[in-house]
Amino acid sequence: MRAYGFTAVGGPENEAFLDVPVPVPGPGELLVRVQAAGVNPGDWRVRNGAYGIAGPAVLGREVAGTIEEVGDDVHGFAPGDDVFGGNPGMVGGWAEFALVTASFAALRPDGVAATDVAVLPVAAGTAFDAVTALDLPAGATLLVNGAGGGVGVAAVQLAVARGLRVIGTASPAKHELVSWFGGVPVAYGPGVLDRVRAVAPDGVDAVFDLVGGDALRTVAELVTDRSKVRSVADKALAKELGGGDVTRDRSTAVLTELAGLVAQGTFDPHVTNVFEFAEAKKALELVESGHATGKVALRIS
């Protein structure tokens, strides 16, 4: 089958279309004929060697498609089902066929595009887990530090849907986007504490950080209960400050809830760029450049 990945750890010059065998589903796995796949910053980091995966390897960690075959010990799914979910080992999705972890898969609701659900497991799933872990009551104030990216935009929407007031730090170019999804945008950088306090005089009840470093250290000062500081960008610093990271709940239940919110119109996956499979290199270039304005997806079949 045709797949896209990298031949050796390194830069974009090592990316290539590959001819690889169709995978065989093991216990707890689904073989899916891929219709769409998500493109994430983690994909180019895999190629760069950040996760210890040597090439040649197929890129891609989240897909949507139709089940061709189910492995042993799989329940609730059958051949012919339209599903979406995460790929085992964070690789393998950018291909005509891919393995999907059954426990991190869900049925695609009728009327929802494959490209919309394909981008849910990584970014929206992370945001969902963070907002759930913070467990703030309706009316509380959440600061999303780095609200303009894929995880940040998802967190803003999910928090607003829970009745939270959301303040999002972002570059000025992303302020309209944060506002569109119900957040109150503030510019990051020097003076950010004053800008946040201007719109939240009583401080904030929690911080979900997607930036790390000095930016995290600064905004953490706004939170009295430091256990309500969570970061996926700088886990060590979050722990040092009295908070922690985000434990992922890679489950069918989470994906089912997210897909339901999409079907209801409560959550927008914010897919702004869909590339054909032949343009996989271009899609990853856009994400790696940091200039993507929303989620990026590949249309495989």
C-alpha atoms as a PDB file:
ATOM      1  CA  MET A   1       0.000   0.000   0.000  1.00  0.00           C
ATOM      2  CA  ARG A   2       0.991   3.635  -0.347  1.00  0.00           C
ATOM      3  CA  ALA A   3       2.018   5.517   2.789  1.00  0.00           C
ATOM      4  CA  TYR A   4       3.862   8.695   3.694  1.00  0.00           C
ATOM      5  CA  GLY A   5       6.601   8.889   6.271  1.00  0.00           C
ATOM      6  CA  PHE A   6      10.330   9.233   6.649  1.00  0.00           C
ATOM      7  CA  THR A   7      13.275   7.088   5.658  1.00  0.00           C
ATOM      8  CA  ALA A   8      15.595   8.162   8.493  1.00  0.00           C
ATOM      9  CA  VAL A   9      15.481  10.492  11.480  1.00  0.00           C
ATOM     10  CA  GLY A  10      16.149  14.077  10.455  1.00  0.00           C
ATOM     11  CA  GLY A  11      14.645  16.980   8.570  1.00  0.00           C
ATOM     12  CA  PRO A  12      11.993  17.276   5.860  1.00  0.00           C
ATOM     13  CA  GLU A  13      14.462  16.009   3.265  1.00  0.00           C
ATOM     14  CA  ASN A  14      14.002  12.547   4.767  1.00  0.00           C
ATOM     15  CA  GLU A  15      10.265  12.463   4.093  1.00  0.00           C
ATOM     16  CA  ALA A  16       9.002  10.244   1.290  1.00  0.00           C
ATOM     17  CA  PHE A  17       6.112   8.178  -0.001  1.00  0.00           C
ATOM     18  CA  LEU A  18       6.676   4.574   0.991  1.00  0.00           C
ATOM     19  CA  ASP A  19       5.472   1.244  -0.346  1.00  0.00           C
ATOM     20  CA  VAL A  20       4.749  -0.865   2.729  1.00  0.00           C
ATOM     21  CA  PRO A  21       2.696  -3.978   3.530  1.00  0.00           C
ATOM     22  CA  VAL A  22      -0.892  -3.610   4.695  1.00  0.00           C
ATOM     23  CA  PRO A  23      -0.708  -4.060   8.487  1.00  0.00           C
ATOM     24  CA  VAL A  24      -2.394  -6.944  10.265  1.00  0.00           C
ATOM     25  CA  PRO A  25      -4.486  -6.070  13.331  1.00  0.00           C
ATOM     26  CA  GLY A  26      -3.314  -7.602  16.563  1.00  0.00           C
ATOM     27  CA  PRO A  27      -5.361  -8.083  19.735  1.00  0.00           C
ATOM     28  CA  GLY A  28      -7.320  -4.934  20.574  1.00  0.00           C
ATOM     29  CA  GLU A  29      -6.680  -3.351  17.172  1.00  0.00           C
ATOM     30  CA  LEU A  30      -8.739  -2.391  14.132  1.00  0.00           C
ATOM     31  CA  LEU A  31      -7.576  -2.353  10.519  1.00  0.00           C
ATOM     32  CA  VAL A  32      -9.097   0.752   8.942  1.00  0.00           C
ATOM     33  CA  ARG A  33      -9.280   1.839   5.324  1.00  0.00           C
ATOM     34  CA  VAL A  34      -8.250   5.446   5.900  1.00  0.00           C
ATOM     35  CA  GLN A  35     -10.395   8.295   4.591  1.00  0.00           C
ATOM     36  CA  ALA A  36      -8.753  11.166   6.469  1.00  0.00           C
ATOM     37  CA  ALA A  37      -5.892  11.767   8.878  1.00  0.00           C
ATOM     38  CA  GLY A  38      -4.865  14.576  11.183  1.00  0.00           C
ATOM     39  CA  VAL A  39      -1.586  16.480  10.876  1.00  0.00           C
ATOM     40  CA  ASN A  40       0.031  17.577  14.139  1.00  0.00           C
ATOM     41  CA  PRO A  41       3.255  19.150  15.428  1.00  0.00           C
ATOM     42  CA  GLY A  42       4.049  15.773  16.956  1.00  0.00           C
ATOM     43  CA  ASP A  43       4.368  14.330  13.459  1.00  0.00           C
ATOM     44  CA  TRP A  44       7.397  16.391  12.508  1.00  0.00           C
ATOM     45  CA  ARG A  45       8.816  15.823  15.972  1.00  0.00           C
ATOM     46  CA  VAL A  46       8.569  12.070  15.378  1.00  0.00           C
ATOM     47  CA  ARG A  47      10.488  12.553  12.126  1.00  0.00           C
ATOM     48  CA  ASN A  48      13.104  14.602  13.998  1.00  0.00           C
ATOM     49  CA  GLY A  49      13.654  11.768  16.471  1.00  0.00           C
ATOM     50  CA  ALA A  50      11.971  13.275  19.550  1.00  0.00           C
ATOM     51  CA  TYR A  51      10.141  10.031  20.395  1.00  0.00           C
ATOM     52  CA  GLY A  52      12.869   7.547  19.569  1.00  0.00           C
ATOM     53  CA  ILE A  53      11.156   6.106  16.487  1.00  0.00           C
ATOM     54  CA  ALA A  54      13.697   5.187  13.827  1.00  0.00           C
ATOM     55  CA  GLY A  55      12.958   5.298  10.130  1.00  0.00           C
ATOM     56  CA  PRO A  56      11.718   4.118   7.843  1.00  0.00           C
ATOM     57  CA  ALA A  57       8.347   4.711   9.489  1.00  0.00           C
ATOM     58  CA  VAL A  58       4.899   5.892   8.481  1.00  0.00           C
ATOM     59  CA  LEU A  59       3.801   9.205   9.991  1.00  0.00           C
ATOM     60  CA  GLY A  60       0.377  10.011  11.439  1.00  0.00           C
ATOM     61  CA  ARG A  61      -1.240   9.386  14.797  1.00  0.00           C
ATOM     62  CA  GLU A  62      -4.986   9.955  14.252  1.00  0.00           C
ATOM     63  CA  VAL A  63      -7.316   8.837  11.462  1.00  0.00           C
ATOM     64  CA  ALA A  64     -10.897   8.334  10.347  1.00  0.00           C
ATOM     65  CA  GLY A  65     -12.057   5.583   8.027  1.00  0.00           C
ATOM     66  CA  THR A  66     -13.964   2.324   7.599  1.00  0.00           C
ATOM     67  CA  ILE A  67     -13.112  -0.870   9.463  1.00  0.00           C
ATOM     68  CA  GLU A  68     -11.806  -3.635   7.200  1.00  0.00           C
ATOM     69  CA  GLU A  69     -10.899  -6.160   9.889  1.00  0.00           C
ATOM     70  CA  VAL A  70     -10.944  -6.460  13.672  1.00  0.00           C
ATOM     71  CA  GLY A  71      -8.315  -8.134  15.804  1.00  0.00           C
ATOM     72  CA  ASP A  72      -8.904 -10.477  18.712  1.00  0.00           C
ATOM     73  CA  ASP A  73     -10.441  -9.146  21.925  1.00  0.00           C
ATOM     74  CA  VAL A  74     -12.254  -6.317  20.147  1.00  0.00           C
ATOM     75  CA  HIS A  75     -15.818  -5.560  21.204  1.00  0.00           C
ATOM     76  CA  GLY A  76     -18.305  -2.991  19.946  1.00  0.00           C
ATOM     77  CA  PHE A  77     -16.833  -2.638  16.454  1.00  0.00           C
ATOM     78  CA  ALA A  78     -17.352  -4.590  13.236  1.00  0.00           C
ATOM     79  CA  PRO A  79     -16.160  -4.483   9.636  1.00  0.00           C
ATOM     80  CA  GLY A  80     -17.968  -1.748   7.740  1.00  0.00           C
ATOM     81  CA  ASP A  81     -18.236   0.622  10.711  1.00  0.00           C
ATOM     82  CA  ASP A  82     -17.115   4.192  10.092  1.00  0.00           C
ATOM     83  CA  VAL A  83     -14.770   5.059  12.944  1.00  0.00           C
ATOM     84  CA  PHE A  84     -12.031   7.408  14.034  1.00  0.00           C
ATOM     85  CA  GLY A  85      -9.299   7.097  16.596  1.00  0.00           C
ATOM     86  CA  GLY A  86      -5.642   7.004  17.524  1.00  0.00           C
ATOM     87  CA  ASN A  87      -2.914   4.924  15.933  1.00  0.00           C
ATOM     88  CA  PRO A  88      -0.825   2.638  18.172  1.00  0.00           C
ATOM     89  CA  GLY A  89       2.657   3.890  18.841  1.00  0.00           C
ATOM     90  CA  MET A  90       1.923   7.417  17.551  1.00  0.00           C
ATOM     91  CA  VAL A  91       2.647   6.387  13.946  1.00  0.00           C
ATOM     92  CA  GLY A  92       1.051   4.719  10.945  1.00  0.00           C
ATOM     93  CA  GLY A  93      -1.914   6.904  10.051  1.00  0.00           C
ATOM     94  CA  TRP A  94      -0.801   8.473   6.776  1.00  0.00           C
ATOM     95  CA  ALA A  95      -1.511   5.432   4.666  1.00  0.00           C
ATOM     96  CA  GLU A  96      -4.242   3.757   2.659  1.00  0.00           C
ATOM     97  CA  PHE A  97      -4.755   1.339   5.556  1.00  0.00           C
ATOM     98  CA  ALA A  98      -3.853   1.890   9.197  1.00  0.00           C
ATOM     99  CA  LEU A  99      -4.130   0.210  12.560  1.00  0.00           C
ATOM    100  CA  VAL A 100      -6.283   1.942  15.166  1.00  0.00           C
ATOM    101  CA  THR A 101      -6.345   1.121  18.862  1.00  0.00           C
ATOM    102  CA  ALA A 102      -9.877  -0.142  19.541  1.00  0.00           C
ATOM    103  CA  SER A 103      -9.940   1.263  23.075  1.00  0.00           C
ATOM    104  CA  PHE A 104      -9.119   4.688  21.578  1.00  0.00           C
ATOM    105  CA  ALA A 105     -11.645   4.575  18.746  1.00  0.00           C
ATOM    106  CA  ALA A 106     -15.261   5.629  18.340  1.00  0.00           C
ATOM    107  CA  LEU A 107     -18.021   5.528  15.757  1.00  0.00           C
ATOM    108  CA  ARG A 108     -18.275   8.529  13.451  1.00  0.00           C
ATOM    109  CA  PRO A 109     -21.713  10.138  13.797  1.00  0.00           C
ATOM    110  CA  ASP A 110     -23.884  10.421  10.706  1.00  0.00           C
ATOM    111  CA  GLY A 111     -23.486  13.743   8.966  1.00  0.00           C
ATOM    112  CA  VAL A 112     -20.053  14.507  10.405  1.00  0.00           C
ATOM    113  CA  ALA A 113     -17.179  14.693   7.918  1.00  0.00           C
ATOM    114  CA  ALA A 114     -14.279  12.276   8.205  1.00  0.00           C
ATOM    115  CA  THR A 115     -11.849  15.207   8.171  1.00  0.00           C
ATOM    116  CA  ASP A 116     -13.617  16.717  11.196  1.00  0.00           C
ATOM    117  CA  VAL A 117     -13.402  13.627  13.403  1.00  0.00           C
ATOM    118  CA  ALA A 118      -9.933  12.621  12.210  1.00  0.00           C
ATOM    119  CA  VAL A 119      -8.418  15.620  14.009  1.00  0.00           C
ATOM    120  CA  LEU A 120     -10.124  14.987  17.374  1.00  0.00           C
ATOM    121  CA  PRO A 121      -7.972  12.366  19.175  1.00  0.00           C
ATOM    122  CA  VAL A 122      -4.799  14.438  19.651  1.00  0.00           C
ATOM    123  CA  ALA A 123      -5.609  18.138  20.104  1.00  0.00           C
ATOM    124  CA  ALA A 124      -9.243  18.051  21.172  1.00  0.00           C
ATOM    125  CA  GLY A 125      -8.613  14.942  23.266  1.00  0.00           C
ATOM    126  CA  THR A 126      -5.801  16.675  25.138  1.00  0.00           C
ATOM    127  CA  ALA A 127      -7.943  19.754  25.744  1.00  0.00           C
ATOM    128  CA  PHE A 128     -10.851  17.615  26.931  1.00  0.00           C
ATOM    129  CA  ASP A 129      -8.658  15.766  29.415  1.00  0.00           C
ATOM    130  CA  ALA A 130      -7.212  19.026  30.750  1.00  0.00           C
ATOM    131  CA  VAL A 131     -10.551  20.746  31.248  1.00  0.00           C
ATOM    132  CA  THR A 132     -11.981  17.592  32.833  1.00  0.00           C
ATOM    133  CA  ALA A 133      -9.020  17.221  35.211  1.00  0.00           C
ATOM    134  CA  LEU A 134      -9.268  20.842  36.380  1.00  0.00           C
ATOM    135  CA  ASP A 135     -12.921  20.173  37.296  1.00  0.00           C
ATOM    136  CA  LEU A 136     -13.897  23.822  37.693  1.00  0.00           C
ATOM    137  CA  PRO A 137     -17.450  24.800  38.628  1.00  0.00           C
ATOM    138  CA  ALA A 138     -19.582  26.840  36.251  1.00  0.00           C
ATOM    139  CA  GLY A 139     -18.719  30.508  36.522  1.00  0.00           C
ATOM    140  CA  ALA A 140     -15.060  29.907  37.399  1.00  0.00           C
ATOM    141  CA  THR A 141     -12.317  31.573  35.356  1.00  0.00           C
ATOM    142  CA  LEU A 142      -9.805  29.546  33.351  1.00  0.00           C
ATOM    143  CA  LEU A 143      -6.718  31.045  31.735  1.00  0.00           C
ATOM    144  CA  VAL A 144      -5.585  29.169  28.626  1.00  0.00           C
ATOM    145  CA  ASN A 145      -1.960  30.140  28.130  1.00  0.00           C
ATOM    146  CA  GLY A 146      -1.420  29.816  24.388  1.00  0.00           C
ATOM    147  CA  ALA A 147      -5.041  29.814  23.273  1.00  0.00           C
ATOM    148  CA  GLY A 148      -4.420  30.347  19.565  1.00  0.00           C
ATOM    149  CA  GLY A 149      -3.165  26.845  18.678  1.00  0.00           C
ATOM    150  CA  GLY A 150      -5.049  23.629  18.031  1.00  0.00           C
ATOM    151  CA  VAL A 151      -5.188  22.465  21.649  1.00  0.00           C
ATOM    152  CA  GLY A 152      -5.823  25.998  22.895  1.00  0.00           C
ATOM    153  CA  VAL A 153      -8.767  26.646  20.592  1.00  0.00           C
ATOM    154  CA  ALA A 154     -10.260  23.302  21.607  1.00  0.00           C
ATOM    155  CA  ALA A 155      -9.780  24.090  25.306  1.00  0.00           C
ATOM    156  CA  VAL A 156     -11.479  27.470  24.940  1.00  0.00           C
ATOM    157  CA  GLN A 157     -14.530  25.882  23.326  1.00  0.00           C
ATOM    158  CA  LEU A 158     -14.797  22.976  25.753  1.00  0.00           C
ATOM    159  CA  ALA A 159     -14.394  25.223  28.792  1.00  0.00           C
ATOM    160  CA  VAL A 160     -17.006  27.696  27.534  1.00  0.00           C
ATOM    161  CA  ALA A 161     -19.384  24.774  26.935  1.00  0.00           C
ATOM    162  CA  ARG A 162     -18.965  23.882  30.632  1.00  0.00           C
ATOM    163  CA  GLY A 163     -20.003  27.371  31.673  1.00  0.00           C
ATOM    164  CA  LEU A 164     -16.521  28.667  32.462  1.00  0.00           C
ATOM    165  CA  ARG A 165     -15.238  32.134  31.782  1.00  0.00           C
ATOM    166  CA  VAL A 166     -12.149  31.738  29.609  1.00  0.00           C
ATOM    167  CA  ILE A 167      -9.259  34.144  29.141  1.00  0.00           C
ATOM    168  CA  GLY A 168      -6.804  33.197  26.439  1.00  0.00           C
ATOM    169  CA  THR A 169      -3.294  34.524  25.906  1.00  0.00           C
ATOM    170  CA  ALA A 170      -2.464  34.673  22.215  1.00  0.00           C
ATOM    171  CA  SER A 171      -0.701  36.729  19.598  1.00  0.00           C
ATOM    172  CA  PRO A 172      -2.761  39.700  18.376  1.00  0.00           C
ATOM    173  CA  ALA A 173      -3.355  37.892  15.071  1.00  0.00           C
ATOM    174  CA  LYS A 174      -5.206  35.145  16.976  1.00  0.00           C
ATOM    175  CA  HIS A 175      -7.365  37.424  19.152  1.00  0.00           C
ATOM    176  CA  GLU A 176     -10.328  37.369  16.799  1.00  0.00           C
ATOM    177  CA  LEU A 177     -10.192  33.568  16.765  1.00  0.00           C
ATOM    178  CA  VAL A 178     -10.172  33.343  20.574  1.00  0.00           C
ATOM    179  CA  SER A 179     -13.101  35.760  20.745  1.00  0.00           C
ATOM    180  CA  TRP A 180     -15.023  33.844  18.083  1.00  0.00           C
ATOM    181  CA  PHE A 181     -14.993  30.735  20.249  1.00  0.00           C
ATOM    182  CA  GLY A 182     -16.095  32.569  23.384  1.00  0.00           C
ATOM    183  CA  GLY A 183     -12.819  33.472  25.077  1.00  0.00           C
ATOM    184  CA  VAL A 184     -11.483  36.847  26.200  1.00  0.00           C
ATOM    185  CA  PRO A 185      -8.167  37.362  24.387  1.00  0.00           C
ATOM    186  CA  VAL A 186      -5.144  39.068  25.932  1.00  0.00           C
ATOM    187  CA  ALA A 187      -1.716  39.544  24.403  1.00  0.00           C
ATOM    188  CA  TYR A 188       1.115  37.472  25.815  1.00  0.00           C
ATOM    189  CA  GLY A 189       4.529  38.905  26.656  1.00  0.00           C
ATOM    190  CA  PRO A 190       5.674  41.685  29.026  1.00  0.00           C
ATOM    191  CA  GLY A 191       2.760  43.144  30.964  1.00  0.00           C
ATOM    192  CA  VAL A 192       0.568  40.064  30.583  1.00  0.00           C
ATOM    193  CA  LEU A 193      -0.299  40.015  34.307  1.00  0.00           C
ATOM    194  CA  ASP A 194      -1.664  43.540  34.154  1.00  0.00           C
ATOM    195  CA  ARG A 195      -3.678  42.729  31.054  1.00  0.00           C
ATOM    196  CA  VAL A 196      -5.185  39.621  32.621  1.00  0.00           C
ATOM    197  CA  ARG A 197      -5.989  41.423  35.871  1.00  0.00           C
ATOM    198  CA  ALA A 198      -7.683  44.173  33.883  1.00  0.00           C
ATOM    199  CA  VAL A 199     -10.274  41.661  32.637  1.00  0.00           C
ATOM    200  CA  ALA A 200     -10.182  39.418  35.740  1.00  0.00           C
ATOM    201  CA  PRO A 201      -9.615  41.660  38.792  1.00  0.00           C
ATOM    202  CA  ASP A 202     -10.191  38.739  41.176  1.00  0.00           C
ATOM    203  CA  GLY A 203      -7.577  36.586  39.460  1.00  0.00           C
ATOM    204  CA  VAL A 204      -8.134  33.263  37.770  1.00  0.00           C
ATOM    205  CA  ASP A 205      -9.129  29.917  39.220  1.00  0.00           C
ATOM    206  CA  ALA A 206      -6.922  27.752  37.015  1.00  0.00           C
ATOM    207  CA  VAL A 207      -4.325  27.830  34.254  1.00  0.00           C
ATOM    208  CA  PHE A 208      -4.037  25.411  31.365  1.00  0.00           C
ATOM    209  CA  ASP A 209      -0.618  26.044  29.859  1.00  0.00           C
ATOM    210  CA  LEU A 210       0.510  25.329  26.308  1.00  0.00           C
ATOM    211  CA  VAL A 211       3.610  27.534  26.295  1.00  0.00           C
ATOM    212  CA  GLY A 212       5.834  26.673  29.250  1.00  0.00           C
ATOM    213  CA  GLY A 213       8.972  28.430  30.465  1.00  0.00           C
ATOM    214  CA  ASP A 214       8.858  31.991  31.745  1.00  0.00           C
ATOM    215  CA  ALA A 215       5.381  32.478  30.278  1.00  0.00           C
ATOM    216  CA  LEU A 216       4.049  29.717  32.521  1.00  0.00           C
ATOM    217  CA  ARG A 217       5.983  30.912  35.554  1.00  0.00           C
ATOM    218  CA  THR A 218       4.486  34.385  35.107  1.00  0.00           C
ATOM    219  CA  VAL A 219       0.815  33.476  34.721  1.00  0.00           C
ATOM    220  CA  ALA A 220       0.968  30.929  37.552  1.00  0.00           C
ATOM    221  CA  GLU A 221       1.144  33.926  39.889  1.00  0.00           C
ATOM    222  CA  LEU A 222      -2.519  34.568  39.092  1.00  0.00           C
ATOM    223  CA  VAL A 223      -3.661  31.314  40.710  1.00  0.00           C
ATOM    224  CA  THR A 224      -4.038  30.945  44.476  1.00  0.00           C
ATOM    225  CA  ASP A 225      -4.497  27.164  44.372  1.00  0.00           C
ATOM    226  CA  ARG A 226      -1.424  26.051  42.444  1.00  0.00           C
ATOM    227  CA  SER A 227      -2.813  22.523  42.088  1.00  0.00           C
ATOM    228  CA  LYS A 228      -5.005  24.112  39.425  1.00  0.00           C
ATOM    229  CA  VAL A 229      -2.014  24.788  37.176  1.00  0.00           C
ATOM    230  CA  ARG A 230      -1.669  22.185  34.439  1.00  0.00           C
ATOM    231  CA  SER A 231       0.772  22.156  31.525  1.00  0.00           C
ATOM    232  CA  VAL A 232       1.436  19.963  28.525  1.00  0.00           C
ATOM    233  CA  ALA A 233       4.306  22.188  27.379  1.00  0.00           C
ATOM    234  CA  ASP A 234       6.470  22.247  30.519  1.00  0.00           C
ATOM    235  CA  LYS A 235       5.508  19.436  32.857  1.00  0.00           C
ATOM    236  CA  ALA A 236       8.579  19.789  35.074  1.00  0.00           C
ATOM    237  CA  LEU A 237       7.979  23.481  35.715  1.00  0.00           C
ATOM    238  CA  ALA A 238       4.282  22.938  36.345  1.00  0.00           C
ATOM    239  CA  LYS A 239       5.175  20.382  39.012  1.00  0.00           C
ATOM    240  CA  GLU A 240       7.764  22.746  40.511  1.00  0.00           C
ATOM    241  CA  LEU A 241       5.065  25.436  40.758  1.00  0.00           C
ATOM    242  CA  GLY A 242       2.719  23.077  42.627  1.00  0.00           C
ATOM    243  CA  GLY A 243       0.675  21.926  39.644  1.00  0.00           C
ATOM    244  CA  GLY A 244       1.115  19.063  37.226  1.00  0.00           C
ATOM    245  CA  ASP A 245       0.693  17.771  33.718  1.00  0.00           C
ATOM    246  CA  VAL A 246      -2.364  16.366  31.955  1.00  0.00           C
ATOM    247  CA  THR A 247      -3.010  12.642  32.151  1.00  0.00           C
ATOM    248  CA  ARG A 248      -4.471  11.519  28.851  1.00  0.00           C
ATOM    249  CA  ASP A 249      -7.653   9.448  28.876  1.00  0.00           C
ATOM    250  CA  ARG A 250      -7.320   7.796  25.496  1.00  0.00           C
ATOM    251  CA  SER A 251     -10.705   6.111  25.574  1.00  0.00           C
ATOM    252  CA  THR A 252     -13.722   5.430  23.423  1.00  0.00           C
ATOM    253  CA  ALA A 253     -15.843   7.355  25.917  1.00  0.00           C
ATOM    254  CA  VAL A 254     -13.887  10.601  25.433  1.00  0.00           C
ATOM    255  CA  LEU A 255     -13.912  10.328  21.637  1.00  0.00           C
ATOM    256  CA  THR A 256     -17.622   9.515  21.622  1.00  0.00           C
ATOM    257  CA  GLU A 257     -18.377  12.598  23.699  1.00  0.00           C
ATOM    258  CA  LEU A 258     -16.241  14.827  21.479  1.00  0.00           C
ATOM    259  CA  ALA A 259     -17.872  13.491  18.319  1.00  0.00           C
ATOM    260  CA  GLY A 260     -21.284  14.068  19.880  1.00  0.00           C
ATOM    261  CA  LEU A 261     -20.401  17.692  20.579  1.00  0.00           C
ATOM    262  CA  VAL A 262     -19.344  18.086  16.940  1.00  0.00           C
ATOM    263  CA  ALA A 263     -22.605  16.524  15.734  1.00  0.00           C
ATOM    264  CA  GLN A 264     -24.599  18.864  17.997  1.00  0.00           C
ATOM    265  CA  GLY A 265     -22.730  21.912  16.726  1.00  0.00           C
ATOM    266  CA  THR A 266     -21.354  22.624  20.211  1.00  0.00           C
ATOM    267  CA  PHE A 267     -17.736  22.002  19.218  1.00  0.00           C
ATOM    268  CA  ASP A 268     -16.000  23.076  16.008  1.00  0.00           C
ATOM    269  CA  PRO A 269     -12.890  21.013  15.128  1.00  0.00           C
ATOM    270  CA  HIS A 270     -11.715  24.140  13.277  1.00  0.00           C
ATOM    271  CA  VAL A 271     -10.263  22.358  10.260  1.00  0.00           C
ATOM    272  CA  THR A 272      -8.980  25.171   8.075  1.00  0.00           C
ATOM    273  CA  ASN A 273      -6.770  23.245   5.665  1.00  0.00           C
ATOM    274  CA  VAL A 274      -7.492  19.917   3.967  1.00  0.00           C
ATOM    275  CA  PHE A 275      -4.760  18.539   1.700  1.00  0.00           C
ATOM    276  CA  GLU A 276      -4.981  15.626  -0.694  1.00  0.00           C
ATOM    277  CA  PHE A 277      -2.744  12.680   0.149  1.00  0.00           C
ATOM    278  CA  ALA A 278      -0.346  13.606  -2.649  1.00  0.00           C
ATOM    279  CA  GLU A 279       0.233  16.902  -0.811  1.00  0.00           C
ATOM    280  CA  ALA A 280       1.282  15.288   2.493  1.00  0.00           C
ATOM    281  CA  LYS A 281       4.671  17.004   2.419  1.00  0.00           C
ATOM    282  CA  LYS A 282       3.019  20.393   1.939  1.00  0.00           C
ATOM    283  CA  ALA A 283       0.608  19.703   4.801  1.00  0.00           C
ATOM    284  CA  LEU A 284       3.412  18.878   7.217  1.00  0.00           C
ATOM    285  CA  GLU A 285       5.411  21.900   6.054  1.00  0.00           C
ATOM    286  CA  LEU A 286       2.480  24.136   6.987  1.00  0.00           C
ATOM    287  CA  VAL A 287       2.185  22.642  10.474  1.00  0.00           C
ATOM    288  CA  GLU A 288       5.942  22.683  11.042  1.00  0.00           C
ATOM    289  CA  SER A 289       6.111  26.349  10.006  1.00  0.00           C
ATOM    290  CA  GLY A 290       3.763  27.299  12.854  1.00  0.00           C
ATOM    291  CA  HIS A 291       1.612  29.311  10.445  1.00  0.00           C
ATOM    292  CA  ALA A 292      -1.438  27.050  10.365  1.00  0.00           C
ATOM    293  CA  THR A 293      -4.507  28.996  11.518  1.00  0.00           C
ATOM    294  CA  GLY A 294      -6.465  25.905  12.503  1.00  0.00           C
ATOM    295  CA  LYS A 295      -6.355  22.129  12.309  1.00  0.00           C
ATOM    296  CA  VAL A 296      -4.831  20.505   9.235  1.00  0.00           C
ATOM    297  CA  ALA A 297      -6.093  17.255   7.738  1.00  0.00           C
ATOM    298  CA  LEU A 298      -5.169  14.896   4.917  1.00  0.00           C
ATOM    299  CA  ARG A 299      -7.814  13.390   2.657  1.00  0.00           C
ATOM    300  CA  ILE A 300      -6.481   9.892   1.993  1.00  0.00           C
ATOM    301  CA  SER A 301      -9.167   8.179  -0.068  1.00  0.00           C
END
